[in-house]
Amino acid sequence: MIRKGDFVLLVSEEGKEFLLQVDENKIFGTHKGNINLQELIGKEYGITVYTTKGSFAVVRPTIYDFIKRIKRQTQIIYPKDIGYIILRLGITSGSRVIECGTGSGSLATAFAFAVKPFGRVYSYEKREEFQKLAMENLKRAGVEDYVVLKLKDAREGFDEKEVDAIFIDVKVPEELVDSVWESLKPGAPVGFLLPTANQASSLLRKLNEGGFVVTELVEILLRRYKTNPERLRPDDLMNAHTGYLLFARKKEK
């Protein structure tokens, strides 16, 4: 049942989506008429609500829906990359994960959802304004209890040791290679996001010298299609290059 304070995703007949929090005395105005959100309380997800000009399906949002609409002050890591990162790092319930470069919190949100209820994410950020926004986004998605936000320059080292995985998203990642080696379990994975090819080259050299075996360097492209069955074709715009993903494993030095 939908309760006061729950989030719902409204999906129009044309596929337009709206992520909303249900509250009393709250009217949501749309291009197809108004919806009284109070009337959703006590109803089941999956119902259809009708307005003067159309209808909307009321469905339960997923973590993808929260990340897609995250409030941002920085470039975020996109869902097309996040899913692969989680699988590649083997993150699951109970994992202890370090993230460096909290930014607006999109990856921390996904990591938290993956490690709950028994794991923890330790997310490092040196800019306080980014950390505050990340916490706001974590609370909106309901996963703030699984993330420890740390206001610290990671070049000073990570506080946690023997963690299961680490992900790095900073401008000069090779500066953190030694700190990563000190905090990872033996044989455990680390991932990096690298916007440019020259960053990847510099990091590859440092990893090979610093006690890691590189397992993969990839970029992920996503091509969407229009969902009209009578005119099935690719969308005009495409999520192409967002960054290179580099993965490595800790070994003996």
Protein backbone atom coordinates (compact mmCIF):
# COMPACT_ATOMS: atom_id res chain seq x y z
CA MET A 1 0.00 0.00 0.00
CA ILE A 2 1.08 3.59 -0.65
CA ARG A 3 1.64 5.48 2.60
CA LYS A 4 2.14 9.12 3.46
CA GLY A 5 5.75 10.04 2.73
CA ASP A 6 6.30 7.25 0.18
CA PHE A 7 7.65 8.02 -3.25
CA VAL A 8 5.69 7.12 -6.38
CA LEU A 9 6.58 7.23 -10.06
CA LEU A 10 3.82 8.56 -12.30
CA VAL A 11 4.08 7.36 -15.90
CA SER A 12 1.92 9.01 -18.57
CA GLU A 13 0.49 7.28 -21.63
CA GLU A 14 3.35 8.79 -23.68
CA GLY A 15 5.99 7.53 -21.25
CA LYS A 16 6.70 10.79 -19.41
CA GLU A 17 7.77 10.10 -15.82
CA PHE A 18 7.44 12.10 -12.60
CA LEU A 19 9.02 11.05 -9.27
CA LEU A 20 6.94 12.44 -6.39
CA GLN A 21 6.61 12.10 -2.64
CA VAL A 22 3.07 11.45 -1.47
CA ASP A 23 1.78 13.96 1.06
CA GLU A 24 -1.49 15.30 2.37
CA ASN A 25 -2.97 18.42 0.78
CA LYS A 26 -0.54 18.22 -2.14
CA ILE A 27 -1.70 18.75 -5.71
CA PHE A 28 0.61 17.88 -8.60
CA GLY A 29 -0.07 19.84 -11.76
CA THR A 30 0.74 18.23 -15.10
CA HIS A 31 0.28 18.98 -18.80
CA LYS A 32 -2.68 16.58 -18.61
CA GLY A 33 -4.43 17.98 -15.58
CA ASN A 34 -3.98 17.87 -11.81
CA ILE A 35 -3.52 14.89 -9.48
CA ASN A 36 -4.41 15.01 -5.78
CA LEU A 37 -1.56 13.01 -4.22
CA GLN A 38 -3.44 12.61 -0.94
CA GLU A 39 -5.91 10.36 -2.75
CA LEU A 40 -3.09 7.86 -3.44
CA ILE A 41 -2.63 7.10 0.27
CA GLY A 42 -3.92 3.61 1.03
CA LYS A 43 -4.03 2.57 -2.64
CA GLU A 44 -1.87 -0.15 -4.21
CA TYR A 45 1.06 0.48 -6.53
CA GLY A 46 0.14 -0.26 -10.13
CA ILE A 47 -3.16 1.61 -10.15
CA THR A 48 -4.14 4.08 -12.87
CA VAL A 49 -5.22 7.60 -11.98
CA TYR A 50 -7.25 9.71 -14.39
CA THR A 51 -7.16 13.44 -14.99
CA THR A 52 -9.29 15.70 -17.16
CA LYS A 53 -6.97 15.12 -20.13
CA GLY A 54 -5.44 11.67 -19.68
CA SER A 55 -4.15 9.04 -17.27
CA PHE A 56 -1.04 8.01 -15.34
CA ALA A 57 0.16 4.66 -14.04
CA VAL A 58 1.31 4.85 -10.41
CA VAL A 59 4.27 2.53 -9.89
CA ARG A 60 6.93 1.95 -7.25
CA PRO A 61 10.21 3.74 -8.09
CA THR A 62 13.48 1.81 -8.17
CA ILE A 63 16.94 2.99 -7.14
CA TYR A 64 17.50 3.75 -10.85
CA ASP A 65 14.68 6.32 -10.74
CA PHE A 66 16.28 8.14 -7.80
CA ILE A 67 19.73 8.19 -9.41
CA LYS A 68 18.30 9.37 -12.73
CA ARG A 69 16.77 12.42 -11.00
CA ILE A 70 19.50 13.10 -8.46
CA LYS A 71 20.17 16.71 -7.48
CA ARG A 72 23.65 17.53 -8.73
CA GLN A 73 26.42 20.07 -8.50
CA THR A 74 28.92 17.79 -10.22
CA GLN A 75 29.05 15.39 -13.13
CA ILE A 76 27.53 12.12 -11.93
CA ILE A 77 28.31 8.50 -12.75
CA TYR A 78 25.47 7.25 -14.95
CA PRO A 79 23.40 4.10 -14.42
CA LYS A 80 24.84 2.55 -17.60
CA ASP A 81 28.23 2.53 -15.85
CA ILE A 82 27.03 1.96 -12.28
CA GLY A 83 25.53 -1.47 -12.93
CA TYR A 84 28.72 -2.74 -14.51
CA ILE A 85 30.85 -1.24 -11.71
CA ILE A 86 28.83 -3.03 -9.02
CA LEU A 87 29.14 -6.38 -10.79
CA ARG A 88 32.82 -5.93 -11.60
CA LEU A 89 33.65 -5.06 -7.99
CA GLY A 90 31.53 -7.91 -6.63
CA ILE A 91 29.58 -5.62 -4.30
CA THR A 92 26.78 -7.33 -2.42
CA SER A 93 24.98 -7.28 0.95
CA GLY A 94 27.62 -7.21 3.67
CA SER A 95 30.40 -5.71 1.56
CA ARG A 96 32.60 -2.97 3.00
CA VAL A 97 33.35 -0.52 0.20
CA ILE A 98 35.40 2.65 -0.07
CA GLU A 99 34.39 5.30 -2.58
CA CYS A 100 36.63 8.28 -3.23
CA GLY A 101 35.00 11.32 -4.84
CA THR A 102 31.47 11.45 -3.39
CA GLY A 103 30.37 14.27 -5.67
CA SER A 104 26.58 14.46 -5.74
CA GLY A 105 26.23 10.90 -4.42
CA SER A 106 24.91 8.90 -7.38
CA LEU A 107 27.38 6.03 -6.99
CA ALA A 108 27.20 6.13 -3.18
CA THR A 109 23.42 5.74 -3.49
CA ALA A 110 23.77 2.67 -5.70
CA PHE A 111 26.52 1.17 -3.55
CA ALA A 112 24.41 1.66 -0.42
CA PHE A 113 21.47 -0.09 -2.04
CA ALA A 114 23.75 -3.02 -2.95
CA VAL A 115 25.45 -3.45 0.46
CA LYS A 116 22.37 -3.10 2.70
CA PRO A 117 21.44 -4.23 5.27
CA PHE A 118 24.74 -5.65 6.55
CA GLY A 119 27.44 -3.69 4.66
CA ARG A 120 28.79 -0.16 4.68
CA VAL A 121 30.02 2.40 2.16
CA TYR A 122 32.78 4.78 3.25
CA SER A 123 32.66 7.75 0.89
CA TYR A 124 35.46 10.35 0.85
CA GLU A 125 35.00 13.92 -0.34
CA LYS A 126 37.12 17.01 0.33
CA ARG A 127 34.46 19.61 -0.52
CA GLU A 128 31.83 20.14 2.16
CA GLU A 129 29.17 21.54 -0.18
CA PHE A 130 29.27 18.35 -2.27
CA GLN A 131 29.05 16.18 0.85
CA LYS A 132 25.95 18.03 2.09
CA LEU A 133 24.19 17.57 -1.25
CA ALA A 134 25.16 13.89 -1.33
CA MET A 135 23.58 13.33 2.09
CA GLU A 136 20.39 15.03 0.89
CA ASN A 137 20.27 12.67 -2.10
CA LEU A 138 21.02 9.61 0.07
CA LYS A 139 18.17 10.52 2.43
CA ARG A 140 15.78 11.01 -0.47
CA ALA A 141 16.54 7.47 -1.65
CA GLY A 142 16.28 6.11 1.91
CA VAL A 143 19.80 4.63 2.07
CA GLU A 144 21.65 7.14 4.27
CA ASP A 145 22.09 4.60 7.12
CA TYR A 146 24.45 2.52 5.00
CA VAL A 147 26.89 5.30 4.06
CA VAL A 148 29.58 6.94 6.19
CA LEU A 149 30.50 10.28 4.61
CA LYS A 150 34.06 11.44 5.30
CA LEU A 151 35.23 15.01 4.75
CA LYS A 152 38.89 14.28 4.08
CA ASP A 153 41.54 14.52 1.38
CA ALA A 154 42.10 10.89 0.42
CA ARG A 155 45.73 11.61 -0.40
CA GLU A 156 46.25 11.41 3.37
CA GLY A 157 45.15 7.76 3.24
CA PHE A 158 41.94 5.86 3.99
CA ASP A 159 40.91 5.12 7.58
CA GLU A 160 39.47 1.68 6.77
CA LYS A 161 41.56 -1.44 6.16
CA GLU A 162 40.79 -4.89 4.72
CA VAL A 163 37.84 -3.60 2.68
CA ASP A 164 36.20 -5.68 -0.03
CA ALA A 165 36.35 -3.14 -2.87
CA ILE A 166 37.33 0.44 -3.70
CA PHE A 167 36.21 2.82 -6.43
CA ILE A 168 38.10 6.01 -7.30
CA ASP A 169 36.71 9.02 -9.19
CA VAL A 170 39.20 11.89 -8.83
CA LYS A 171 41.25 14.03 -11.19
CA VAL A 172 44.65 12.44 -10.44
CA PRO A 173 43.89 8.83 -9.42
CA GLU A 174 47.52 7.67 -9.55
CA GLU A 175 48.13 9.72 -6.38
CA LEU A 176 45.87 7.28 -4.49
CA VAL A 177 47.27 3.96 -5.73
CA ASP A 178 49.41 3.38 -2.64
CA SER A 179 46.51 4.22 -0.31
CA VAL A 180 44.26 1.83 -2.24
CA TRP A 181 46.83 -0.98 -1.87
CA GLU A 182 47.04 -0.39 1.90
CA SER A 183 43.26 -0.58 2.43
CA LEU A 184 42.22 -3.44 0.13
CA LYS A 185 42.03 -7.08 1.09
CA PRO A 186 44.58 -9.24 -0.79
CA GLY A 187 43.22 -10.07 -4.24
CA ALA A 188 40.33 -7.63 -3.90
CA PRO A 189 39.19 -5.39 -6.80
CA VAL A 190 39.53 -1.67 -7.37
CA GLY A 191 37.85 0.40 -10.07
CA PHE A 192 38.54 3.84 -11.53
CA LEU A 193 36.55 6.30 -13.64
CA LEU A 194 38.78 8.16 -16.12
CA PRO A 195 37.35 10.83 -18.44
CA THR A 196 40.35 10.92 -20.82
CA ALA A 197 42.71 8.44 -22.46
CA ASN A 198 45.87 10.14 -21.19
CA GLN A 199 44.60 9.70 -17.61
CA ALA A 200 44.20 5.99 -18.32
CA SER A 201 47.78 5.75 -19.65
CA SER A 202 49.23 7.41 -16.55
CA LEU A 203 47.21 5.21 -14.22
CA LEU A 204 48.12 2.00 -16.06
CA ARG A 205 51.82 2.72 -15.53
CA LYS A 206 51.31 3.46 -11.83
CA LEU A 207 49.20 0.34 -11.22
CA ASN A 208 51.75 -1.93 -12.87
CA GLU A 209 54.42 -0.51 -10.55
CA GLY A 210 52.26 -0.41 -7.42
CA GLY A 211 51.19 -3.98 -6.69
CA PHE A 212 48.18 -4.45 -8.95
CA VAL A 213 47.26 -6.60 -11.90
CA VAL A 214 45.06 -4.75 -14.38
CA THR A 215 42.10 -6.85 -15.49
CA GLU A 216 40.11 -4.58 -17.81
CA LEU A 217 39.82 -1.14 -19.42
CA VAL A 218 36.44 -0.47 -21.06
CA GLU A 219 33.93 2.19 -22.01
CA ILE A 220 30.19 1.50 -22.07
CA LEU A 221 27.87 2.97 -24.70
CA LEU A 222 24.08 2.99 -24.35
CA ARG A 223 21.73 3.28 -27.32
CA ARG A 224 18.02 3.76 -26.61
CA TYR A 225 15.11 3.08 -28.97
CA LYS A 226 11.77 4.80 -29.39
CA THR A 227 9.05 2.56 -27.97
CA ASN A 228 6.36 3.23 -30.60
CA PRO A 229 5.71 -0.22 -32.12
CA GLU A 230 4.65 1.38 -35.42
CA ARG A 231 7.86 3.45 -35.74
CA LEU A 232 10.54 1.45 -33.94
CA ARG A 233 13.88 3.22 -34.38
CA PRO A 234 16.83 4.55 -32.33
CA ASP A 235 16.45 7.74 -30.31
CA ASP A 236 17.97 10.83 -31.89
CA LEU A 237 20.35 11.31 -28.94
CA MET A 238 22.69 8.74 -27.41
CA ASN A 239 24.58 8.35 -24.13
CA ALA A 240 27.99 7.69 -25.63
CA HIS A 241 31.34 8.33 -23.93
CA THR A 242 31.04 9.24 -20.24
CA GLY A 243 34.39 7.86 -19.16
CA TYR A 244 36.77 4.91 -19.25
CA LEU A 245 36.37 2.27 -16.56
CA LEU A 246 39.57 0.60 -15.40
CA PHE A 247 39.56 -2.40 -13.06
CA ALA A 248 42.49 -4.04 -11.28
CA ARG A 249 43.23 -6.51 -8.46
CA LYS A 250 45.59 -6.19 -5.53
CA LYS A 251 48.57 -8.55 -5.59
CA GLU A 252 51.83 -8.88 -3.71
CA LYS A 253 54.34 -6.10 -4.29
